[in-house]
Amino acid sequence: MAKAKKLTAEEEAALQVEQEAIQARRRNFRRELVGIFAGIGLALVIGALIPAIRENYSLGLVILWGGALGGVVMSLEQFERAGAALTKKENRPLNYAVGLGIPIVILVLIFAVN
């Protein structure tokens, strides 16, 4: 039976950092999933209570927008980090605006090409 290699202090530290990053990604994914389902539920309730929404929009569209907005609200921290990566500043409102603007700009470019 082969002996297990003993990790150096640097390797142990790198392994610990990687495990913490995995846990953070799992936690963020759970938060986003909860936000999506909460957004869908809230959209269904609002759609049922407001006749104008029920009459003008299909149920699928209401569910889609509710889930999208719920996911965005629960992942604002990631949008701030994306904005901070681009702006290299500590200005939180600016980072939120830039981070939320990235997908909007990509969508505008996609629709402009078509």
PDB file of N, CA and C in Angstrom:
ATOM      1  N   MET A   1       0.842  -1.176   0.000  1.00  0.00           N
ATOM      2  CA  MET A   1       0.000   0.000   0.000  1.00  0.00           C
ATOM      3  C   MET A   1       0.887   1.240   0.000  1.00  0.00           C
ATOM      4  N   ALA A   2       0.578   2.189  -0.891  1.00  0.00           N
ATOM      5  CA  ALA A   2       1.393   3.390  -1.033  1.00  0.00           C
ATOM      6  C   ALA A   2       1.114   4.356   0.103  1.00  0.00           C
ATOM      7  N   LYS A   3       2.177   5.006   0.505  1.00  0.00           N
ATOM      8  CA  LYS A   3       2.037   6.009   1.555  1.00  0.00           C
ATOM      9  C   LYS A   3       1.446   7.284   0.976  1.00  0.00           C
ATOM     10  N   ALA A   4       0.582   7.924   1.743  1.00  0.00           N
ATOM     11  CA  ALA A   4       0.000   9.194   1.322  1.00  0.00           C
ATOM     12  C   ALA A   4       1.038  10.293   1.476  1.00  0.00           C
ATOM     13  N   LYS A   5       1.130  11.129   0.473  1.00  0.00           N
ATOM     14  CA  LYS A   5       2.095  12.229   0.507  1.00  0.00           C
ATOM     15  C   LYS A   5       1.628  13.288   1.494  1.00  0.00           C
ATOM     16  N   LYS A   6       2.525  13.725   2.340  1.00  0.00           N
ATOM     17  CA  LYS A   6       2.190  14.772   3.299  1.00  0.00           C
ATOM     18  C   LYS A   6       2.260  16.121   2.591  1.00  0.00           C
ATOM     19  N   LEU A   7       1.210  16.912   2.791  1.00  0.00           N
ATOM     20  CA  LEU A   7       1.133  18.214   2.145  1.00  0.00           C
ATOM     21  C   LEU A   7       2.003  19.231   2.854  1.00  0.00           C
ATOM     22  N   THR A   8       2.590  20.119   2.068  1.00  0.00           N
ATOM     23  CA  THR A   8       3.352  21.206   2.661  1.00  0.00           C
ATOM     24  C   THR A   8       2.377  22.259   3.183  1.00  0.00           C
ATOM     25  N   ALA A   9       2.894  23.215   3.910  1.00  0.00           N
ATOM     26  CA  ALA A   9       2.046  24.271   4.473  1.00  0.00           C
ATOM     27  C   ALA A   9       1.392  25.084   3.356  1.00  0.00           C
ATOM     28  N   GLU A  10       2.135  25.344   2.271  1.00  0.00           N
ATOM     29  CA  GLU A  10       1.566  26.098   1.146  1.00  0.00           C
ATOM     30  C   GLU A  10       0.444  25.315   0.476  1.00  0.00           C
ATOM     31  N   GLU A  11       0.643  24.017   0.299  1.00  0.00           N
ATOM     32  CA  GLU A  11      -0.375  23.183  -0.336  1.00  0.00           C
ATOM     33  C   GLU A  11      -1.624  23.085   0.533  1.00  0.00           C
ATOM     34  N   GLU A  12      -1.421  22.974   1.845  1.00  0.00           N
ATOM     35  CA  GLU A  12      -2.570  22.935   2.756  1.00  0.00           C
ATOM     36  C   GLU A  12      -3.342  24.248   2.720  1.00  0.00           C
ATOM     37  N   ALA A  13      -2.629  25.359   2.673  1.00  0.00           N
ATOM     38  CA  ALA A  13      -3.282  26.666   2.610  1.00  0.00           C
ATOM     39  C   ALA A  13      -4.059  26.813   1.298  1.00  0.00           C
ATOM     40  N   ALA A  14      -3.466  26.373   0.191  1.00  0.00           N
ATOM     41  CA  ALA A  14      -4.145  26.452  -1.099  1.00  0.00           C
ATOM     42  C   ALA A  14      -5.383  25.562  -1.114  1.00  0.00           C
ATOM     43  N   LEU A  15      -5.282  24.385  -0.530  1.00  0.00           N
ATOM     44  CA  LEU A  15      -6.426  23.475  -0.453  1.00  0.00           C
ATOM     45  C   LEU A  15      -7.540  24.079   0.392  1.00  0.00           C
ATOM     46  N   GLN A  16      -7.177  24.721   1.499  1.00  0.00           N
ATOM     47  CA  GLN A  16      -8.160  25.362   2.365  1.00  0.00           C
ATOM     48  C   GLN A  16      -8.872  26.498   1.639  1.00  0.00           C
ATOM     49  N   VAL A  17      -8.128  27.300   0.896  1.00  0.00           N
ATOM     50  CA  VAL A  17      -8.715  28.408   0.142  1.00  0.00           C
ATOM     51  C   VAL A  17      -9.668  27.874  -0.920  1.00  0.00           C
ATOM     52  N   GLU A  18      -9.271  26.803  -1.601  1.00  0.00           N
ATOM     53  CA  GLU A  18     -10.123  26.218  -2.627  1.00  0.00           C
ATOM     54  C   GLU A  18     -11.411  25.663  -2.029  1.00  0.00           C
ATOM     55  N   GLN A  19     -11.317  25.012  -0.871  1.00  0.00           N
ATOM     56  CA  GLN A  19     -12.518  24.474  -0.224  1.00  0.00           C
ATOM     57  C   GLN A  19     -13.442  25.592   0.236  1.00  0.00           C
ATOM     58  N   GLU A  20     -12.889  26.691   0.721  1.00  0.00           N
ATOM     59  CA  GLU A  20     -13.706  27.832   1.120  1.00  0.00           C
ATOM     60  C   GLU A  20     -14.400  28.456  -0.095  1.00  0.00           C
ATOM     61  N   ALA A  21     -13.712  28.499  -1.230  1.00  0.00           N
ATOM     62  CA  ALA A  21     -14.317  29.046  -2.447  1.00  0.00           C
ATOM     63  C   ALA A  21     -15.466  28.158  -2.924  1.00  0.00           C
ATOM     64  N   ILE A  22     -15.288  26.851  -2.815  1.00  0.00           N
ATOM     65  CA  ILE A  22     -16.355  25.920  -3.203  1.00  0.00           C
ATOM     66  C   ILE A  22     -17.569  26.123  -2.310  1.00  0.00           C
ATOM     67  N   GLN A  23     -17.346  26.264  -1.007  1.00  0.00           N
ATOM     68  CA  GLN A  23     -18.456  26.488  -0.077  1.00  0.00           C
ATOM     69  C   GLN A  23     -19.161  27.812  -0.370  1.00  0.00           C
ATOM     70  N   ALA A  24     -18.396  28.853  -0.711  1.00  0.00           N
ATOM     71  CA  ALA A  24     -19.000  30.157  -1.029  1.00  0.00           C
ATOM     72  C   ALA A  24     -19.847  30.057  -2.289  1.00  0.00           C
ATOM     73  N   ARG A  25     -19.358  29.333  -3.309  1.00  0.00           N
ATOM     74  CA  ARG A  25     -20.145  29.166  -4.535  1.00  0.00           C
ATOM     75  C   ARG A  25     -21.436  28.411  -4.257  1.00  0.00           C
ATOM     76  N   ARG A  26     -21.367  27.383  -3.422  1.00  0.00           N
ATOM     77  CA  ARG A  26     -22.579  26.634  -3.076  1.00  0.00           C
ATOM     78  C   ARG A  26     -23.570  27.521  -2.342  1.00  0.00           C
ATOM     79  N   ARG A  27     -23.070  28.312  -1.402  1.00  0.00           N
ATOM     80  CA  ARG A  27     -23.933  29.204  -0.628  1.00  0.00           C
ATOM     81  C   ARG A  27     -24.598  30.233  -1.552  1.00  0.00           C
ATOM     82  N   ASN A  28     -23.821  30.796  -2.477  1.00  0.00           N
ATOM     83  CA  ASN A  28     -24.377  31.773  -3.419  1.00  0.00           C
ATOM     84  C   ASN A  28     -25.405  31.132  -4.335  1.00  0.00           C
ATOM     85  N   PHE A  29     -25.134  29.901  -4.794  1.00  0.00           N
ATOM     86  CA  PHE A  29     -26.085  29.208  -5.659  1.00  0.00           C
ATOM     87  C   PHE A  29     -27.399  28.971  -4.923  1.00  0.00           C
ATOM     88  N   ARG A  30     -27.321  28.566  -3.654  1.00  0.00           N
ATOM     89  CA  ARG A  30     -28.546  28.348  -2.873  1.00  0.00           C
ATOM     90  C   ARG A  30     -29.316  29.652  -2.697  1.00  0.00           C
ATOM     91  N   ARG A  31     -28.609  30.734  -2.428  1.00  0.00           N
ATOM     92  CA  ARG A  31     -29.274  32.036  -2.275  1.00  0.00           C
ATOM     93  C   ARG A  31     -29.972  32.445  -3.566  1.00  0.00           C
ATOM     94  N   GLU A  32     -29.299  32.264  -4.695  1.00  0.00           N
ATOM     95  CA  GLU A  32     -29.902  32.625  -5.974  1.00  0.00           C
ATOM     96  C   GLU A  32     -31.115  31.752  -6.276  1.00  0.00           C
ATOM     97  N   LEU A  33     -31.019  30.468  -5.957  1.00  0.00           N
ATOM     98  CA  LEU A  33     -32.139  29.559  -6.198  1.00  0.00           C
ATOM     99  C   LEU A  33     -33.346  29.951  -5.346  1.00  0.00           C
ATOM    100  N   VAL A  34     -33.093  30.292  -4.085  1.00  0.00           N
ATOM    101  CA  VAL A  34     -34.177  30.760  -3.218  1.00  0.00           C
ATOM    102  C   VAL A  34     -34.779  32.051  -3.787  1.00  0.00           C
ATOM    103  N   GLY A  35     -33.929  32.948  -4.270  1.00  0.00           N
ATOM    104  CA  GLY A  35     -34.415  34.189  -4.861  1.00  0.00           C
ATOM    105  C   GLY A  35     -35.269  33.945  -6.092  1.00  0.00           C
ATOM    106  N   ILE A  36     -34.861  32.986  -6.910  1.00  0.00           N
ATOM    107  CA  ILE A  36     -35.637  32.670  -8.113  1.00  0.00           C
ATOM    108  C   ILE A  36     -37.022  32.168  -7.738  1.00  0.00           C
ATOM    109  N   PHE A  37     -37.079  31.209  -6.806  1.00  0.00           N
ATOM    110  CA  PHE A  37     -38.380  30.664  -6.429  1.00  0.00           C
ATOM    111  C   PHE A  37     -39.230  31.682  -5.677  1.00  0.00           C
ATOM    112  N   ALA A  38     -38.609  32.508  -4.852  1.00  0.00           N
ATOM    113  CA  ALA A  38     -39.368  33.559  -4.165  1.00  0.00           C
ATOM    114  C   ALA A  38     -39.891  34.580  -5.174  1.00  0.00           C
ATOM    115  N   GLY A  39     -39.078  34.918  -6.168  1.00  0.00           N
ATOM    116  CA  GLY A  39     -39.520  35.845  -7.207  1.00  0.00           C
ATOM    117  C   GLY A  39     -40.674  35.285  -8.021  1.00  0.00           C
ATOM    118  N   ILE A  40     -40.606  33.988  -8.322  1.00  0.00           N
ATOM    119  CA  ILE A  40     -41.703  33.359  -9.062  1.00  0.00           C
ATOM    120  C   ILE A  40     -42.985  33.399  -8.235  1.00  0.00           C
ATOM    121  N   GLY A  41     -42.863  33.046  -6.957  1.00  0.00           N
ATOM    122  CA  GLY A  41     -44.041  33.069  -6.084  1.00  0.00           C
ATOM    123  C   GLY A  41     -44.628  34.463  -5.956  1.00  0.00           C
ATOM    124  N   LEU A  42     -43.773  35.440  -5.756  1.00  0.00           N
ATOM    125  CA  LEU A  42     -44.236  36.816  -5.627  1.00  0.00           C
ATOM    126  C   LEU A  42     -44.868  37.310  -6.933  1.00  0.00           C
ATOM    127  N   ALA A  43     -44.273  36.940  -8.060  1.00  0.00           N
ATOM    128  CA  ALA A  43     -44.837  37.342  -9.355  1.00  0.00           C
ATOM    129  C   ALA A  43     -46.207  36.719  -9.576  1.00  0.00           C
ATOM    130  N   LEU A  44     -46.371  35.471  -9.174  1.00  0.00           N
ATOM    131  CA  LEU A  44     -47.674  34.828  -9.313  1.00  0.00           C
ATOM    132  C   LEU A  44     -48.722  35.509  -8.448  1.00  0.00           C
ATOM    133  N   VAL A  45     -48.335  35.875  -7.221  1.00  0.00           N
ATOM    134  CA  VAL A  45     -49.270  36.552  -6.318  1.00  0.00           C
ATOM    135  C   VAL A  45     -49.633  37.925  -6.877  1.00  0.00           C
ATOM    136  N   ILE A  46     -48.622  38.667  -7.318  1.00  0.00           N
ATOM    137  CA  ILE A  46     -48.895  39.993  -7.873  1.00  0.00           C
ATOM    138  C   ILE A  46     -49.737  39.878  -9.135  1.00  0.00           C
ATOM    139  N   GLY A  47     -49.438  38.887  -9.976  1.00  0.00           N
ATOM    140  CA  GLY A  47     -50.228  38.681 -11.189  1.00  0.00           C
ATOM    141  C   GLY A  47     -51.668  38.337 -10.888  1.00  0.00           C
ATOM    142  N   ALA A  48     -51.896  37.606  -9.799  1.00  0.00           N
ATOM    143  CA  ALA A  48     -53.262  37.252  -9.428  1.00  0.00           C
ATOM    144  C   ALA A  48     -54.005  38.446  -8.827  1.00  0.00           C
ATOM    145  N   LEU A  49     -53.285  39.334  -8.143  1.00  0.00           N
ATOM    146  CA  LEU A  49     -53.930  40.464  -7.480  1.00  0.00           C
ATOM    147  C   LEU A  49     -54.165  41.664  -8.391  1.00  0.00           C
ATOM    148  N   ILE A  50     -53.340  41.829  -9.411  1.00  0.00           N
ATOM    149  CA  ILE A  50     -53.454  42.990 -10.284  1.00  0.00           C
ATOM    150  C   ILE A  50     -54.016  42.534 -11.628  1.00  0.00           C
ATOM    151  N   PRO A  51     -55.250  42.907 -11.917  1.00  0.00           N
ATOM    152  CA  PRO A  51     -55.892  42.433 -13.154  1.00  0.00           C
ATOM    153  C   PRO A  51     -55.178  42.872 -14.432  1.00  0.00           C
ATOM    154  N   ALA A  52     -54.539  44.033 -14.433  1.00  0.00           N
ATOM    155  CA  ALA A  52     -53.868  44.513 -15.645  1.00  0.00           C
ATOM    156  C   ALA A  52     -52.731  43.580 -16.052  1.00  0.00           C
ATOM    157  N   ILE A  53     -52.017  43.052 -15.083  1.00  0.00           N
ATOM    158  CA  ILE A  53     -50.937  42.108 -15.386  1.00  0.00           C
ATOM    159  C   ILE A  53     -51.520  40.809 -15.921  1.00  0.00           C
ATOM    160  N   ARG A  54     -52.558  40.336 -15.279  1.00  0.00           N
ATOM    161  CA  ARG A  54     -53.202  39.082 -15.683  1.00  0.00           C
ATOM    162  C   ARG A  54     -53.770  39.173 -17.095  1.00  0.00           C
ATOM    163  N   GLU A  55     -54.299  40.332 -17.458  1.00  0.00           N
ATOM    164  CA  GLU A  55     -54.933  40.499 -18.765  1.00  0.00           C
ATOM    165  C   GLU A  55     -53.926  40.750 -19.889  1.00  0.00           C
ATOM    166  N   ASN A  56     -52.832  41.435 -19.594  1.00  0.00           N
ATOM    167  CA  ASN A  56     -51.903  41.858 -20.640  1.00  0.00           C
ATOM    168  C   ASN A  56     -50.709  40.938 -20.850  1.00  0.00           C
ATOM    169  N   TYR A  57     -50.389  40.115 -19.879  1.00  0.00           N
ATOM    170  CA  TYR A  57     -49.191  39.276 -19.979  1.00  0.00           C
ATOM    171  C   TYR A  57     -49.540  37.819 -19.717  1.00  0.00           C
ATOM    172  N   SER A  58     -48.839  36.930 -20.413  1.00  0.00           N
ATOM    173  CA  SER A  58     -49.099  35.503 -20.216  1.00  0.00           C
ATOM    174  C   SER A  58     -48.485  35.053 -18.886  1.00  0.00           C
ATOM    175  N   LEU A  59     -48.966  33.942 -18.395  1.00  0.00           N
ATOM    176  CA  LEU A  59     -48.470  33.398 -17.130  1.00  0.00           C
ATOM    177  C   LEU A  59     -46.988  33.054 -17.235  1.00  0.00           C
ATOM    178  N   GLY A  60     -46.576  32.518 -18.366  1.00  0.00           N
ATOM    179  CA  GLY A  60     -45.165  32.167 -18.562  1.00  0.00           C
ATOM    180  C   GLY A  60     -44.255  33.369 -18.476  1.00  0.00           C
ATOM    181  N   LEU A  61     -44.683  34.473 -19.064  1.00  0.00           N
ATOM    182  CA  LEU A  61     -43.881  35.690 -19.022  1.00  0.00           C
ATOM    183  C   LEU A  61     -43.784  36.244 -17.601  1.00  0.00           C
ATOM    184  N   VAL A  62     -44.873  36.203 -16.876  1.00  0.00           N
ATOM    185  CA  VAL A  62     -44.870  36.667 -15.479  1.00  0.00           C
ATOM    186  C   VAL A  62     -43.926  35.806 -14.653  1.00  0.00           C
ATOM    187  N   ILE A  63     -43.965  34.489 -14.847  1.00  0.00           N
ATOM    188  CA  ILE A  63     -43.077  33.580 -14.112  1.00  0.00           C
ATOM    189  C   ILE A  63     -41.624  33.844 -14.491  1.00  0.00           C
ATOM    190  N   LEU A  64     -41.357  34.027 -15.781  1.00  0.00           N
ATOM    191  CA  LEU A  64     -39.997  34.289 -16.247  1.00  0.00           C
ATOM    192  C   LEU A  64     -39.420  35.547 -15.617  1.00  0.00           C
ATOM    193  N   TRP A  65     -40.182  36.647 -15.676  1.00  0.00           N
ATOM    194  CA  TRP A  65     -39.687  37.901 -15.115  1.00  0.00           C
ATOM    195  C   TRP A  65     -39.561  37.833 -13.595  1.00  0.00           C
ATOM    196  N   GLY A  66     -40.488  37.152 -12.935  1.00  0.00           N
ATOM    197  CA  GLY A  66     -40.381  37.013 -11.478  1.00  0.00           C
ATOM    198  C   GLY A  66     -39.135  36.254 -11.069  1.00  0.00           C
ATOM    199  N   GLY A  67     -38.860  35.155 -11.759  1.00  0.00           N
ATOM    200  CA  GLY A  67     -37.660  34.378 -11.450  1.00  0.00           C
ATOM    201  C   GLY A  67     -36.386  35.153 -11.750  1.00  0.00           C
ATOM    202  N   ALA A  68     -36.375  35.873 -12.870  1.00  0.00           N
ATOM    203  CA  ALA A  68     -35.185  36.644 -13.235  1.00  0.00           C
ATOM    204  C   ALA A  68     -34.909  37.749 -12.223  1.00  0.00           C
ATOM    205  N   LEU A  69     -35.954  38.479 -11.851  1.00  0.00           N
ATOM    206  CA  LEU A  69     -35.754  39.563 -10.882  1.00  0.00           C
ATOM    207  C   LEU A  69     -35.386  39.037  -9.494  1.00  0.00           C
ATOM    208  N   GLY A  70     -35.992  37.926  -9.098  1.00  0.00           N
ATOM    209  CA  GLY A  70     -35.636  37.324  -7.810  1.00  0.00           C
ATOM    210  C   GLY A  70     -34.194  36.859  -7.782  1.00  0.00           C
ATOM    211  N   GLY A  71     -33.724  36.251  -8.864  1.00  0.00           N
ATOM    212  CA  GLY A  71     -32.330  35.825  -8.939  1.00  0.00           C
ATOM    213  C   GLY A  71     -31.369  36.993  -8.924  1.00  0.00           C
ATOM    214  N   VAL A  72     -31.725  38.072  -9.608  1.00  0.00           N
ATOM    215  CA  VAL A  72     -30.862  39.258  -9.641  1.00  0.00           C
ATOM    216  C   VAL A  72     -30.767  39.893  -8.255  1.00  0.00           C
ATOM    217  N   VAL A  73     -31.888  40.006  -7.580  1.00  0.00           N
ATOM    218  CA  VAL A  73     -31.887  40.630  -6.252  1.00  0.00           C
ATOM    219  C   VAL A  73     -31.011  39.835  -5.274  1.00  0.00           C
ATOM    220  N   MET A  74     -31.085  38.519  -5.364  1.00  0.00           N
ATOM    221  CA  MET A  74     -30.307  37.705  -4.433  1.00  0.00           C
ATOM    222  C   MET A  74     -28.839  37.567  -4.832  1.00  0.00           C
ATOM    223  N   SER A  75     -28.465  38.029  -6.005  1.00  0.00           N
ATOM    224  CA  SER A  75     -27.064  37.925  -6.417  1.00  0.00           C
ATOM    225  C   SER A  75     -26.436  39.297  -6.662  1.00  0.00           C
ATOM    226  N   LEU A  76     -26.930  40.315  -5.991  1.00  0.00           N
ATOM    227  CA  LEU A  76     -26.387  41.662  -6.171  1.00  0.00           C
ATOM    228  C   LEU A  76     -24.915  41.740  -5.769  1.00  0.00           C
ATOM    229  N   GLU A  77     -24.512  40.920  -4.814  1.00  0.00           N
ATOM    230  CA  GLU A  77     -23.116  40.930  -4.375  1.00  0.00           C
ATOM    231  C   GLU A  77     -22.179  40.546  -5.527  1.00  0.00           C
ATOM    232  N   GLN A  78     -22.584  39.589  -6.332  1.00  0.00           N
ATOM    233  CA  GLN A  78     -21.758  39.195  -7.469  1.00  0.00           C
ATOM    234  C   GLN A  78     -21.720  40.289  -8.537  1.00  0.00           C
ATOM    235  N   PHE A  79     -22.831  41.004  -8.713  1.00  0.00           N
ATOM    236  CA  PHE A  79     -22.824  42.116  -9.658  1.00  0.00           C
ATOM    237  C   PHE A  79     -21.887  43.215  -9.181  1.00  0.00           C
ATOM    238  N   GLU A  80     -21.859  43.447  -7.866  1.00  0.00           N
ATOM    239  CA  GLU A  80     -20.942  44.451  -7.330  1.00  0.00           C
ATOM    240  C   GLU A  80     -19.492  44.038  -7.564  1.00  0.00           C
ATOM    241  N   ARG A  81     -19.191  42.760  -7.354  1.00  0.00           N
ATOM    242  CA  ARG A  81     -17.818  42.276  -7.582  1.00  0.00           C
ATOM    243  C   ARG A  81     -17.433  42.391  -9.046  1.00  0.00           C
ATOM    244  N   ALA A  82     -18.364  42.104  -9.954  1.00  0.00           N
ATOM    245  CA  ALA A  82     -18.077  42.233 -11.388  1.00  0.00           C
ATOM    246  C   ALA A  82     -17.807  43.694 -11.744  1.00  0.00           C
ATOM    247  N   GLY A  83     -18.598  44.593 -11.184  1.00  0.00           N
ATOM    248  CA  GLY A  83     -18.379  46.017 -11.432  1.00  0.00           C
ATOM    249  C   GLY A  83     -17.062  46.493 -10.851  1.00  0.00           C
ATOM    250  N   ALA A  84     -16.716  46.012  -9.663  1.00  0.00           N
ATOM    251  CA  ALA A  84     -15.449  46.403  -9.036  1.00  0.00           C
ATOM    252  C   ALA A  84     -14.261  45.891  -9.842  1.00  0.00           C
ATOM    253  N   ALA A  85     -14.419  44.730 -10.475  1.00  0.00           N
ATOM    254  CA  ALA A  85     -13.336  44.201 -11.309  1.00  0.00           C
ATOM    255  C   ALA A  85     -13.091  45.100 -12.515  1.00  0.00           C
ATOM    256  N   LEU A  86     -14.144  45.727 -13.033  1.00  0.00           N
ATOM    257  CA  LEU A  86     -13.982  46.612 -14.183  1.00  0.00           C
ATOM    258  C   LEU A  86     -13.555  48.022 -13.793  1.00  0.00           C
ATOM    259  N   THR A  87     -14.144  48.556 -12.724  1.00  0.00           N
ATOM    260  CA  THR A  87     -13.854  49.946 -12.373  1.00  0.00           C
ATOM    261  C   THR A  87     -12.605  50.098 -11.518  1.00  0.00           C
ATOM    262  N   LYS A  88     -12.232  49.060 -10.795  1.00  0.00           N
ATOM    263  CA  LYS A  88     -11.076  49.099  -9.876  1.00  0.00           C
ATOM    264  C   LYS A  88     -11.243  50.176  -8.805  1.00  0.00           C
ATOM    265  N   LYS A  89     -12.495  50.436  -8.412  1.00  0.00           N
ATOM    266  CA  LYS A  89     -12.782  51.438  -7.384  1.00  0.00           C
ATOM    267  C   LYS A  89     -13.611  50.807  -6.270  1.00  0.00           C
ATOM    268  N   GLU A  90     -13.687  51.488  -5.137  1.00  0.00           N
ATOM    269  CA  GLU A  90     -14.465  51.024  -3.991  1.00  0.00           C
ATOM    270  C   GLU A  90     -15.837  51.690  -3.916  1.00  0.00           C
ATOM    271  N   ASN A  91     -16.270  52.341  -4.978  1.00  0.00           N
ATOM    272  CA  ASN A  91     -17.543  53.044  -5.022  1.00  0.00           C
ATOM    273  C   ASN A  91     -18.659  52.030  -5.281  1.00  0.00           C
ATOM    274  N   ARG A  92     -19.399  51.663  -4.219  1.00  0.00           N
ATOM    275  CA  ARG A  92     -20.399  50.602  -4.340  1.00  0.00           C
ATOM    276  C   ARG A  92     -21.518  50.914  -5.325  1.00  0.00           C
ATOM    277  N   PRO A  93     -22.118  52.107  -5.300  1.00  0.00           N
ATOM    278  CA  PRO A  93     -23.179  52.377  -6.290  1.00  0.00           C
ATOM    279  C   PRO A  93     -22.674  52.291  -7.731  1.00  0.00           C
ATOM    280  N   LEU A  94     -21.475  52.792  -7.966  1.00  0.00           N
ATOM    281  CA  LEU A  94     -20.896  52.707  -9.309  1.00  0.00           C
ATOM    282  C   LEU A  94     -20.656  51.247  -9.698  1.00  0.00           C
ATOM    283  N   ASN A  95     -20.151  50.458  -8.761  1.00  0.00           N
ATOM    284  CA  ASN A  95     -19.891  49.049  -9.048  1.00  0.00           C
ATOM    285  C   ASN A  95     -21.185  48.287  -9.329  1.00  0.00           C
ATOM    286  N   TYR A  96     -22.248  48.587  -8.568  1.00  0.00           N
ATOM    287  CA  TYR A  96     -23.545  47.959  -8.846  1.00  0.00           C
ATOM    288  C   TYR A  96     -24.037  48.332 -10.241  1.00  0.00           C
ATOM    289  N   ALA A  97     -23.943  49.616 -10.572  1.00  0.00           N
ATOM    290  CA  ALA A  97     -24.432  50.080 -11.873  1.00  0.00           C
ATOM    291  C   ALA A  97     -23.646  49.431 -13.008  1.00  0.00           C
ATOM    292  N   VAL A  98     -22.334  49.367 -12.877  1.00  0.00           N
ATOM    293  CA  VAL A  98     -21.511  48.755 -13.920  1.00  0.00           C
ATOM    294  C   VAL A  98     -21.782  47.259 -13.991  1.00  0.00           C
ATOM    295  N   GLY A  99     -21.864  46.601 -12.838  1.00  0.00           N
ATOM    296  CA  GLY A  99     -22.117  45.159 -12.819  1.00  0.00           C
ATOM    297  C   GLY A  99     -23.466  44.791 -13.403  1.00  0.00           C
ATOM    298  N   LEU A 100     -24.494  45.568 -13.089  1.00  0.00           N
ATOM    299  CA  LEU A 100     -25.820  45.312 -13.658  1.00  0.00           C
ATOM    300  C   LEU A 100     -25.894  45.732 -15.120  1.00  0.00           C
ATOM    301  N   GLY A 101     -25.039  46.661 -15.522  1.00  0.00           N
ATOM    302  CA  GLY A 101     -25.035  47.112 -16.905  1.00  0.00           C
ATOM    303  C   GLY A 101     -24.390  46.132 -17.866  1.00  0.00           C
ATOM    304  N   ILE A 102     -23.520  45.270 -17.363  1.00  0.00           N
ATOM    305  CA  ILE A 102     -22.830  44.308 -18.238  1.00  0.00           C
ATOM    306  C   ILE A 102     -23.819  43.426 -18.996  1.00  0.00           C
ATOM    307  N   PRO A 103     -24.762  42.734 -18.319  1.00  0.00           N
ATOM    308  CA  PRO A 103     -25.691  41.903 -19.092  1.00  0.00           C
ATOM    309  C   PRO A 103     -26.614  42.733 -19.991  1.00  0.00           C
ATOM    310  N   ILE A 104     -26.943  43.942 -19.564  1.00  0.00           N
ATOM    311  CA  ILE A 104     -27.806  44.804 -20.386  1.00  0.00           C
ATOM    312  C   ILE A 104     -27.092  45.181 -21.680  1.00  0.00           C
ATOM    313  N   VAL A 105     -25.822  45.539 -21.584  1.00  0.00           N
ATOM    314  CA  VAL A 105     -25.047  45.892 -22.776  1.00  0.00           C
ATOM    315  C   VAL A 105     -24.924  44.687 -23.703  1.00  0.00           C
ATOM    316  N   ILE A 106     -24.686  43.506 -23.129  1.00  0.00           N
ATOM    317  CA  ILE A 106     -24.578  42.293 -23.950  1.00  0.00           C
ATOM    318  C   ILE A 106     -25.892  42.023 -24.677  1.00  0.00           C
ATOM    319  N   LEU A 107     -27.023  42.180 -23.985  1.00  0.00           N
ATOM    320  CA  LEU A 107     -28.321  41.968 -24.640  1.00  0.00           C
ATOM    321  C   LEU A 107     -28.574  42.990 -25.744  1.00  0.00           C
ATOM    322  N   VAL A 108     -28.216  44.242 -25.492  1.00  0.00           N
ATOM    323  CA  VAL A 108     -28.397  45.273 -26.518  1.00  0.00           C
ATOM    324  C   VAL A 108     -27.548  44.939 -27.739  1.00  0.00           C
ATOM    325  N   LEU A 109     -26.326  44.481 -27.530  1.00  0.00           N
ATOM    326  CA  LEU A 109     -25.475  44.111 -28.653  1.00  0.00           C
ATOM    327  C   LEU A 109     -26.039  42.926 -29.426  1.00  0.00           C
ATOM    328  N   ILE A 110     -26.585  41.949 -28.714  1.00  0.00           N
ATOM    329  CA  ILE A 110     -27.169  40.787 -29.376  1.00  0.00           C
ATOM    330  C   ILE A 110     -28.355  41.209 -30.228  1.00  0.00           C
ATOM    331  N   PHE A 111     -29.236  42.051 -29.671  1.00  0.00           N
ATOM    332  CA  PHE A 111     -30.404  42.491 -30.424  1.00  0.00           C
ATOM    333  C   PHE A 111     -30.039  43.440 -31.549  1.00  0.00           C
ATOM    334  N   ALA A 112     -28.954  44.201 -31.406  1.00  0.00           N
ATOM    335  CA  ALA A 112     -28.524  45.123 -32.455  1.00  0.00           C
ATOM    336  C   ALA A 112     -27.993  44.348 -33.655  1.00  0.00           C
ATOM    337  N   VAL A 113     -27.365  43.218 -33.416  1.00  0.00           N
ATOM    338  CA  VAL A 113     -26.840  42.414 -34.502  1.00  0.00           C
ATOM    339  C   VAL A 113     -27.969  41.810 -35.310  1.00  0.00           C
ATOM    340  N   ASN A 114     -29.039  41.413 -34.638  1.00  0.00           N
ATOM    341  CA  ASN A 114     -30.190  40.832 -35.341  1.00  0.00           C
ATOM    342  C   ASN A 114     -30.931  41.943 -35.983  1.00  0.00           C
TER     343      ASN A 114
END
